[in-house]
PDB file of N, CA and C in Angstrom:
ATOM      1  N   MET A   1       8.510  44.056 -64.466  1.00  0.00           N
ATOM      2  CA  MET A   1       7.300  43.312 -64.680  1.00  0.00           C
ATOM      3  C   MET A   1       7.516  41.828 -64.368  1.00  0.00           C
ATOM      4  N   ALA A   2       8.655  41.285 -64.765  1.00  0.00           N
ATOM      5  CA  ALA A   2       8.930  39.868 -64.505  1.00  0.00           C
ATOM      6  C   ALA A   2       8.989  39.580 -63.010  1.00  0.00           C
ATOM      7  N   ILE A   3       9.556  40.495 -62.247  1.00  0.00           N
ATOM      8  CA  ILE A   3       9.673  40.296 -60.801  1.00  0.00           C
ATOM      9  C   ILE A   3       8.293  40.243 -60.159  1.00  0.00           C
ATOM     10  N   GLU A   4       7.382  41.058 -60.638  1.00  0.00           N
ATOM     11  CA  GLU A   4       6.024  41.075 -60.099  1.00  0.00           C
ATOM     12  C   GLU A   4       5.252  39.810 -60.449  1.00  0.00           C
ATOM     13  N   ARG A   5       5.490  39.252 -61.617  1.00  0.00           N
ATOM     14  CA  ARG A   5       4.687  38.128 -62.106  1.00  0.00           C
ATOM     15  C   ARG A   5       5.280  36.750 -61.858  1.00  0.00           C
ATOM     16  N   CYS A   6       6.559  36.677 -61.583  1.00  0.00           N
ATOM     17  CA  CYS A   6       7.212  35.372 -61.415  1.00  0.00           C
ATOM     18  C   CYS A   6       7.577  35.144 -59.949  1.00  0.00           C
ATOM     19  N   PRO A   7       6.946  34.169 -59.300  1.00  0.00           N
ATOM     20  CA  PRO A   7       7.251  33.924 -57.888  1.00  0.00           C
ATOM     21  C   PRO A   7       8.677  33.432 -57.651  1.00  0.00           C
ATOM     22  N   HIS A   8       9.304  32.826 -58.642  1.00  0.00           N
ATOM     23  CA  HIS A   8      10.672  32.322 -58.487  1.00  0.00           C
ATOM     24  C   HIS A   8      11.679  33.457 -58.302  1.00  0.00           C
ATOM     25  N   LEU A   9      11.361  34.622 -58.810  1.00  0.00           N
ATOM     26  CA  LEU A   9      12.291  35.744 -58.714  1.00  0.00           C
ATOM     27  C   LEU A   9      12.290  36.395 -57.334  1.00  0.00           C
ATOM     28  N   SER A  10      11.404  35.965 -56.456  1.00  0.00           N
ATOM     29  CA  SER A  10      11.422  36.497 -55.092  1.00  0.00           C
ATOM     30  C   SER A  10      12.473  35.791 -54.235  1.00  0.00           C
ATOM     31  N   ARG A  11      13.030  34.695 -54.755  1.00  0.00           N
ATOM     32  CA  ARG A  11      14.094  33.994 -54.035  1.00  0.00           C
ATOM     33  C   ARG A  11      15.399  34.771 -54.172  1.00  0.00           C
ATOM     34  N   GLU A  12      16.397  34.362 -53.413  1.00  0.00           N
ATOM     35  CA  GLU A  12      17.675  35.062 -53.415  1.00  0.00           C
ATOM     36  C   GLU A  12      18.755  34.335 -54.215  1.00  0.00           C
ATOM     37  N   ASP A  13      18.433  33.211 -54.852  1.00  0.00           N
ATOM     38  CA  ASP A  13      19.477  32.404 -55.504  1.00  0.00           C
ATOM     39  C   ASP A  13      19.517  32.588 -57.024  1.00  0.00           C
ATOM     40  N   PHE A  14      19.414  33.810 -57.484  1.00  0.00           N
ATOM     41  CA  PHE A  14      19.541  34.077 -58.905  1.00  0.00           C
ATOM     42  C   PHE A  14      20.325  35.374 -59.097  1.00  0.00           C
ATOM     43  N   VAL A  15      20.770  35.589 -60.319  1.00  0.00           N
ATOM     44  CA  VAL A  15      21.519  36.795 -60.656  1.00  0.00           C
ATOM     45  C   VAL A  15      20.813  37.467 -61.823  1.00  0.00           C
ATOM     46  N   VAL A  16      20.660  38.761 -61.754  1.00  0.00           N
ATOM     47  CA  VAL A  16      20.062  39.528 -62.837  1.00  0.00           C
ATOM     48  C   VAL A  16      21.195  40.153 -63.648  1.00  0.00           C
ATOM     49  N   LEU A  17      21.146  39.944 -64.951  1.00  0.00           N
ATOM     50  CA  LEU A  17      22.166  40.484 -65.846  1.00  0.00           C
ATOM     51  C   LEU A  17      21.532  41.444 -66.837  1.00  0.00           C
ATOM     52  N   ARG A  18      22.282  42.462 -67.203  1.00  0.00           N
ATOM     53  CA  ARG A  18      21.849  43.369 -68.265  1.00  0.00           C
ATOM     54  C   ARG A  18      22.894  43.284 -69.370  1.00  0.00           C
ATOM     55  N   ALA A  19      22.433  42.934 -70.564  1.00  0.00           N
ATOM     56  CA  ALA A  19      23.335  42.836 -71.714  1.00  0.00           C
ATOM     57  C   ALA A  19      23.108  44.036 -72.621  1.00  0.00           C
ATOM     58  N   ARG A  20      24.161  44.786 -72.850  1.00  0.00           N
ATOM     59  CA  ARG A  20      24.049  45.981 -73.696  1.00  0.00           C
ATOM     60  C   ARG A  20      23.910  45.617 -75.173  1.00  0.00           C
ATOM     61  N   THR A  21      24.591  44.552 -75.595  1.00  0.00           N
ATOM     62  CA  THR A  21      24.543  44.186 -77.015  1.00  0.00           C
ATOM     63  C   THR A  21      24.267  42.690 -77.176  1.00  0.00           C
ATOM     64  N   PRO A  22      23.008  42.275 -77.030  1.00  0.00           N
ATOM     65  CA  PRO A  22      22.683  40.870 -77.292  1.00  0.00           C
ATOM     66  C   PRO A  22      22.693  40.605 -78.802  1.00  0.00           C
ATOM     67  N   LYS A  23      23.158  39.436 -79.191  1.00  0.00           N
ATOM     68  CA  LYS A  23      23.277  39.105 -80.613  1.00  0.00           C
ATOM     69  C   LYS A  23      22.711  37.704 -80.841  1.00  0.00           C
ATOM     70  N   LEU A  24      21.829  37.555 -81.816  1.00  0.00           N
ATOM     71  CA  LEU A  24      21.358  36.217 -82.178  1.00  0.00           C
ATOM     72  C   LEU A  24      22.543  35.450 -82.745  1.00  0.00           C
ATOM     73  N   TRP A  25      22.825  34.290 -82.159  1.00  0.00           N
ATOM     74  CA  TRP A  25      24.025  33.527 -82.515  1.00  0.00           C
ATOM     75  C   TRP A  25      23.697  32.322 -83.375  1.00  0.00           C
ATOM     76  N   GLY A  26      22.654  31.569 -83.029  1.00  0.00           N
ATOM     77  CA  GLY A  26      22.332  30.353 -83.762  1.00  0.00           C
ATOM     78  C   GLY A  26      21.191  29.618 -83.102  1.00  0.00           C
ATOM     79  N   VAL A  27      21.230  28.293 -83.199  1.00  0.00           N
ATOM     80  CA  VAL A  27      20.155  27.478 -82.644  1.00  0.00           C
ATOM     81  C   VAL A  27      20.700  26.296 -81.862  1.00  0.00           C
ATOM     82  N   PHE A  28      19.837  25.730 -81.042  1.00  0.00           N
ATOM     83  CA  PHE A  28      20.104  24.543 -80.242  1.00  0.00           C
ATOM     84  C   PHE A  28      19.050  23.528 -80.656  1.00  0.00           C
ATOM     85  N   GLY A  29      19.448  22.292 -80.924  1.00  0.00           N
ATOM     86  CA  GLY A  29      18.456  21.297 -81.338  1.00  0.00           C
ATOM     87  C   GLY A  29      19.074  19.949 -81.630  1.00  0.00           C
ATOM     88  N   THR A  30      18.411  19.202 -82.497  1.00  0.00           N
ATOM     89  CA  THR A  30      18.829  17.855 -82.860  1.00  0.00           C
ATOM     90  C   THR A  30      19.349  17.851 -84.286  1.00  0.00           C
ATOM     91  N   ALA A  31      20.546  17.304 -84.473  1.00  0.00           N
ATOM     92  CA  ALA A  31      21.145  17.208 -85.809  1.00  0.00           C
ATOM     93  C   ALA A  31      20.744  15.891 -86.460  1.00  0.00           C
ATOM     94  N   TYR A  32      20.457  15.961 -87.751  1.00  0.00           N
ATOM     95  CA  TYR A  32      20.079  14.779 -88.526  1.00  0.00           C
ATOM     96  C   TYR A  32      21.038  14.609 -89.684  1.00  0.00           C
ATOM     97  N   GLU A  33      21.074  13.382 -90.218  1.00  0.00           N
ATOM     98  CA  GLU A  33      21.835  13.121 -91.434  1.00  0.00           C
ATOM     99  C   GLU A  33      20.963  12.310 -92.381  1.00  0.00           C
ATOM    100  N   LEU A  34      21.106  12.576 -93.671  1.00  0.00           N
ATOM    101  CA  LEU A  34      20.333  11.862 -94.676  1.00  0.00           C
ATOM    102  C   LEU A  34      21.099  10.607 -95.079  1.00  0.00           C
ATOM    103  N   THR A  35      20.472   9.449 -94.910  1.00  0.00           N
ATOM    104  CA  THR A  35      21.071   8.169 -95.285  1.00  0.00           C
ATOM    105  C   THR A  35      20.234   7.556 -96.401  1.00  0.00           C
ATOM    106  N   VAL A  36      20.648   6.421 -96.922  1.00  0.00           N
ATOM    107  CA  VAL A  36      19.873   5.745 -97.970  1.00  0.00           C
ATOM    108  C   VAL A  36      18.519   5.279 -97.442  1.00  0.00           C
ATOM    109  N   ASP A  37      18.406   5.113 -96.130  1.00  0.00           N
ATOM    110  CA  ASP A  37      17.145   4.693 -95.515  1.00  0.00           C
ATOM    111  C   ASP A  37      16.295   5.876 -95.051  1.00  0.00           C
ATOM    112  N   GLY A  38      16.767   7.082 -95.229  1.00  0.00           N
ATOM    113  CA  GLY A  38      16.028   8.274 -94.793  1.00  0.00           C
ATOM    114  C   GLY A  38      16.819   9.063 -93.769  1.00  0.00           C
ATOM    115  N   TRP A  39      16.140   9.967 -93.100  1.00  0.00           N
ATOM    116  CA  TRP A  39      16.781  10.824 -92.111  1.00  0.00           C
ATOM    117  C   TRP A  39      16.975  10.079 -90.804  1.00  0.00           C
ATOM    118  N   ARG A  40      18.148  10.211 -90.220  1.00  0.00           N
ATOM    119  CA  ARG A  40      18.460   9.597 -88.926  1.00  0.00           C
ATOM    120  C   ARG A  40      19.070  10.637 -87.998  1.00  0.00           C
ATOM    121  N   THR A  41      18.805  10.438 -86.709  1.00  0.00           N
ATOM    122  CA  THR A  41      19.378  11.333 -85.706  1.00  0.00           C
ATOM    123  C   THR A  41      20.883  11.138 -85.659  1.00  0.00           C
ATOM    124  N   GLN A  42      21.604  12.229 -85.780  1.00  0.00           N
ATOM    125  CA  GLN A  42      23.061  12.182 -85.719  1.00  0.00           C
ATOM    126  C   GLN A  42      23.535  12.543 -84.313  1.00  0.00           C
ATOM    127  N   ALA A  43      22.967  13.606 -83.759  1.00  0.00           N
ATOM    128  CA  ALA A  43      23.360  14.057 -82.421  1.00  0.00           C
ATOM    129  C   ALA A  43      22.218  14.858 -81.812  1.00  0.00           C
ATOM    130  N   VAL A  44      22.041  14.692 -80.529  1.00  0.00           N
ATOM    131  CA  VAL A  44      21.017  15.438 -79.795  1.00  0.00           C
ATOM    132  C   VAL A  44      21.708  16.543 -79.009  1.00  0.00           C
ATOM    133  N   ASP A  45      21.022  17.648 -78.843  1.00  0.00           N
ATOM    134  CA  ASP A  45      21.544  18.779 -78.071  1.00  0.00           C
ATOM    135  C   ASP A  45      22.822  19.365 -78.672  1.00  0.00           C
ATOM    136  N   VAL A  46      22.735  19.791 -79.922  1.00  0.00           N
ATOM    137  CA  VAL A  46      23.865  20.456 -80.569  1.00  0.00           C
ATOM    138  C   VAL A  46      23.562  21.947 -80.692  1.00  0.00           C
ATOM    139  N   MET A  47      24.606  22.755 -80.711  1.00  0.00           N
ATOM    140  CA  MET A  47      24.467  24.180 -80.990  1.00  0.00           C
ATOM    141  C   MET A  47      25.164  24.460 -82.309  1.00  0.00           C
ATOM    142  N   ARG A  48      24.459  25.155 -83.199  1.00  0.00           N
ATOM    143  CA  ARG A  48      25.033  25.512 -84.491  1.00  0.00           C
ATOM    144  C   ARG A  48      24.845  27.009 -84.710  1.00  0.00           C
ATOM    145  N   PRO A  49      25.914  27.716 -85.092  1.00  0.00           N
ATOM    146  CA  PRO A  49      25.774  29.149 -85.362  1.00  0.00           C
ATOM    147  C   PRO A  49      25.090  29.379 -86.712  1.00  0.00           C
ATOM    148  N   TYR A  50      24.434  30.524 -86.842  1.00  0.00           N
ATOM    149  CA  TYR A  50      23.858  30.896 -88.130  1.00  0.00           C
ATOM    150  C   TYR A  50      24.981  30.968 -89.157  1.00  0.00           C
ATOM    151  N   GLY A  51      24.726  30.447 -90.338  1.00  0.00           N
ATOM    152  CA  GLY A  51      25.730  30.425 -91.400  1.00  0.00           C
ATOM    153  C   GLY A  51      26.503  29.118 -91.469  1.00  0.00           C
ATOM    154  N   ASP A  52      26.420  28.270 -90.447  1.00  0.00           N
ATOM    155  CA  ASP A  52      27.117  26.989 -90.425  1.00  0.00           C
ATOM    156  C   ASP A  52      26.463  26.033 -91.431  1.00  0.00           C
ATOM    157  N   GLU A  53      27.258  25.317 -92.178  1.00  0.00           N
ATOM    158  CA  GLU A  53      26.745  24.378 -93.176  1.00  0.00           C
ATOM    159  C   GLU A  53      25.885  23.290 -92.535  1.00  0.00           C
ATOM    160  N   GLY A  54      26.245  22.854 -91.335  1.00  0.00           N
ATOM    161  CA  GLY A  54      25.492  21.810 -90.649  1.00  0.00           C
ATOM    162  C   GLY A  54      24.126  22.248 -90.153  1.00  0.00           C
ATOM    163  N   LEU A  55      23.863  23.544 -90.181  1.00  0.00           N
ATOM    164  CA  LEU A  55      22.586  24.069 -89.706  1.00  0.00           C
ATOM    165  C   LEU A  55      21.419  23.588 -90.560  1.00  0.00           C
ATOM    166  N   LYS A  56      21.686  23.236 -91.802  1.00  0.00           N
ATOM    167  CA  LYS A  56      20.631  22.795 -92.716  1.00  0.00           C
ATOM    168  C   LYS A  56      19.953  21.510 -92.260  1.00  0.00           C
ATOM    169  N   ALA A  57      20.637  20.720 -91.453  1.00  0.00           N
ATOM    170  CA  ALA A  57      20.092  19.435 -91.006  1.00  0.00           C
ATOM    171  C   ALA A  57      19.839  19.415 -89.505  1.00  0.00           C
ATOM    172  N   VAL A  58      19.525  20.565 -88.931  1.00  0.00           N
ATOM    173  CA  VAL A  58      19.233  20.654 -87.495  1.00  0.00           C
ATOM    174  C   VAL A  58      17.770  21.031 -87.315  1.00  0.00           C
ATOM    175  N   LEU A  59      17.080  20.251 -86.502  1.00  0.00           N
ATOM    176  CA  LEU A  59      15.724  20.599 -86.098  1.00  0.00           C
ATOM    177  C   LEU A  59      15.861  21.419 -84.824  1.00  0.00           C
ATOM    178  N   ALA A  60      15.676  22.727 -84.936  1.00  0.00           N
ATOM    179  CA  ALA A  60      15.930  23.640 -83.816  1.00  0.00           C
ATOM    180  C   ALA A  60      14.809  23.569 -82.786  1.00  0.00           C
ATOM    181  N   SER A  61      15.212  23.611 -81.519  1.00  0.00           N
ATOM    182  CA  SER A  61      14.237  23.674 -80.437  1.00  0.00           C
ATOM    183  C   SER A  61      14.342  24.980 -79.661  1.00  0.00           C
ATOM    184  N   ARG A  62      15.494  25.648 -79.767  1.00  0.00           N
ATOM    185  CA  ARG A  62      15.704  26.915 -79.062  1.00  0.00           C
ATOM    186  C   ARG A  62      16.627  27.831 -79.860  1.00  0.00           C
ATOM    187  N   THR A  63      16.445  29.096 -79.688  1.00  0.00           N
ATOM    188  CA  THR A  63      17.350  30.084 -80.265  1.00  0.00           C
ATOM    189  C   THR A  63      18.455  30.368 -79.257  1.00  0.00           C
ATOM    190  N   VAL A  64      19.675  30.546 -79.750  1.00  0.00           N
ATOM    191  CA  VAL A  64      20.809  30.866 -78.878  1.00  0.00           C
ATOM    192  C   VAL A  64      21.184  32.319 -79.102  1.00  0.00           C
ATOM    193  N   ARG A  65      21.285  33.059 -78.020  1.00  0.00           N
ATOM    194  CA  ARG A  65      21.650  34.466 -78.081  1.00  0.00           C
ATOM    195  C   ARG A  65      22.961  34.667 -77.334  1.00  0.00           C
ATOM    196  N   GLU A  66      23.897  35.357 -77.954  1.00  0.00           N
ATOM    197  CA  GLU A  66      25.172  35.682 -77.320  1.00  0.00           C
ATOM    198  C   GLU A  66      25.017  37.031 -76.614  1.00  0.00           C
ATOM    199  N   LEU A  67      25.397  37.066 -75.346  1.00  0.00           N
ATOM    200  CA  LEU A  67      25.280  38.299 -74.578  1.00  0.00           C
ATOM    201  C   LEU A  67      26.639  38.970 -74.475  1.00  0.00           C
ATOM    202  N   ARG A  68      26.702  40.219 -74.873  1.00  0.00           N
ATOM    203  CA  ARG A  68      27.952  40.981 -74.819  1.00  0.00           C
ATOM    204  C   ARG A  68      27.753  42.212 -73.947  1.00  0.00           C
ATOM    205  N   ALA A  69      28.839  42.715 -73.407  1.00  0.00           N
ATOM    206  CA  ALA A  69      28.806  43.887 -72.529  1.00  0.00           C
ATOM    207  C   ALA A  69      27.814  43.653 -71.397  1.00  0.00           C
ATOM    208  N   VAL A  70      28.027  42.566 -70.657  1.00  0.00           N
ATOM    209  CA  VAL A  70      27.114  42.140 -69.601  1.00  0.00           C
ATOM    210  C   VAL A  70      27.512  42.769 -68.269  1.00  0.00           C
ATOM    211  N   ALA A  71      26.494  43.201 -67.541  1.00  0.00           N
ATOM    212  CA  ALA A  71      26.710  43.759 -66.201  1.00  0.00           C
ATOM    213  C   ALA A  71      25.720  43.116 -65.242  1.00  0.00           C
ATOM    214  N   VAL A  72      26.172  42.870 -64.018  1.00  0.00           N
ATOM    215  CA  VAL A  72      25.292  42.357 -62.975  1.00  0.00           C
ATOM    216  C   VAL A  72      24.477  43.527 -62.429  1.00  0.00           C
ATOM    217  N   VAL A  73      23.162  43.301 -62.282  1.00  0.00           N
ATOM    218  CA  VAL A  73      22.265  44.344 -61.805  1.00  0.00           C
ATOM    219  C   VAL A  73      21.793  43.987 -60.402  1.00  0.00           C
ATOM    220  N   ASP A  74      21.882  44.935 -59.492  1.00  0.00           N
ATOM    221  CA  ASP A  74      21.365  44.748 -58.137  1.00  0.00           C
ATOM    222  C   ASP A  74      19.919  45.233 -58.136  1.00  0.00           C
ATOM    223  N   LEU A  75      18.982  44.303 -58.010  1.00  0.00           N
ATOM    224  CA  LEU A  75      17.566  44.646 -58.090  1.00  0.00           C
ATOM    225  C   LEU A  75      17.127  45.610 -56.994  1.00  0.00           C
ATOM    226  N   ARG A  76      17.790  45.579 -55.869  1.00  0.00           N
ATOM    227  CA  ARG A  76      17.410  46.489 -54.785  1.00  0.00           C
ATOM    228  C   ARG A  76      17.651  47.957 -55.187  1.00  0.00           C
ATOM    229  N   GLU A  77      18.628  48.185 -56.049  1.00  0.00           N
ATOM    230  CA  GLU A  77      18.891  49.541 -56.518  1.00  0.00           C
ATOM    231  C   GLU A  77      17.926  49.964 -57.615  1.00  0.00           C
ATOM    232  N   VAL A  78      17.442  48.994 -58.378  1.00  0.00           N
ATOM    233  CA  VAL A  78      16.556  49.280 -59.496  1.00  0.00           C
ATOM    234  C   VAL A  78      15.119  49.505 -59.013  1.00  0.00           C
ATOM    235  N   LEU A  79      14.695  48.741 -58.028  1.00  0.00           N
ATOM    236  CA  LEU A  79      13.298  48.810 -57.574  1.00  0.00           C
ATOM    237  C   LEU A  79      13.044  49.936 -56.659  1.00  0.00           C
TER     238      LEU A  79
END
């Protein structure tokens, strides 16, 4: 379905992967720290795994997924 709807996938400069066991790993976002003056940006573009103590002060912008058992798929064989 993605190949039919996305014009970018008609190009030849991409790789299609199939992950047998994808796992939610954590988040990507901006880390903050609480100071006497309030919340301040500590670091931009950090990745924190679920369960990490520092995750409590991260404003997440994206979910990070770990891909395991990955195989390259040849679309010509699939279609």
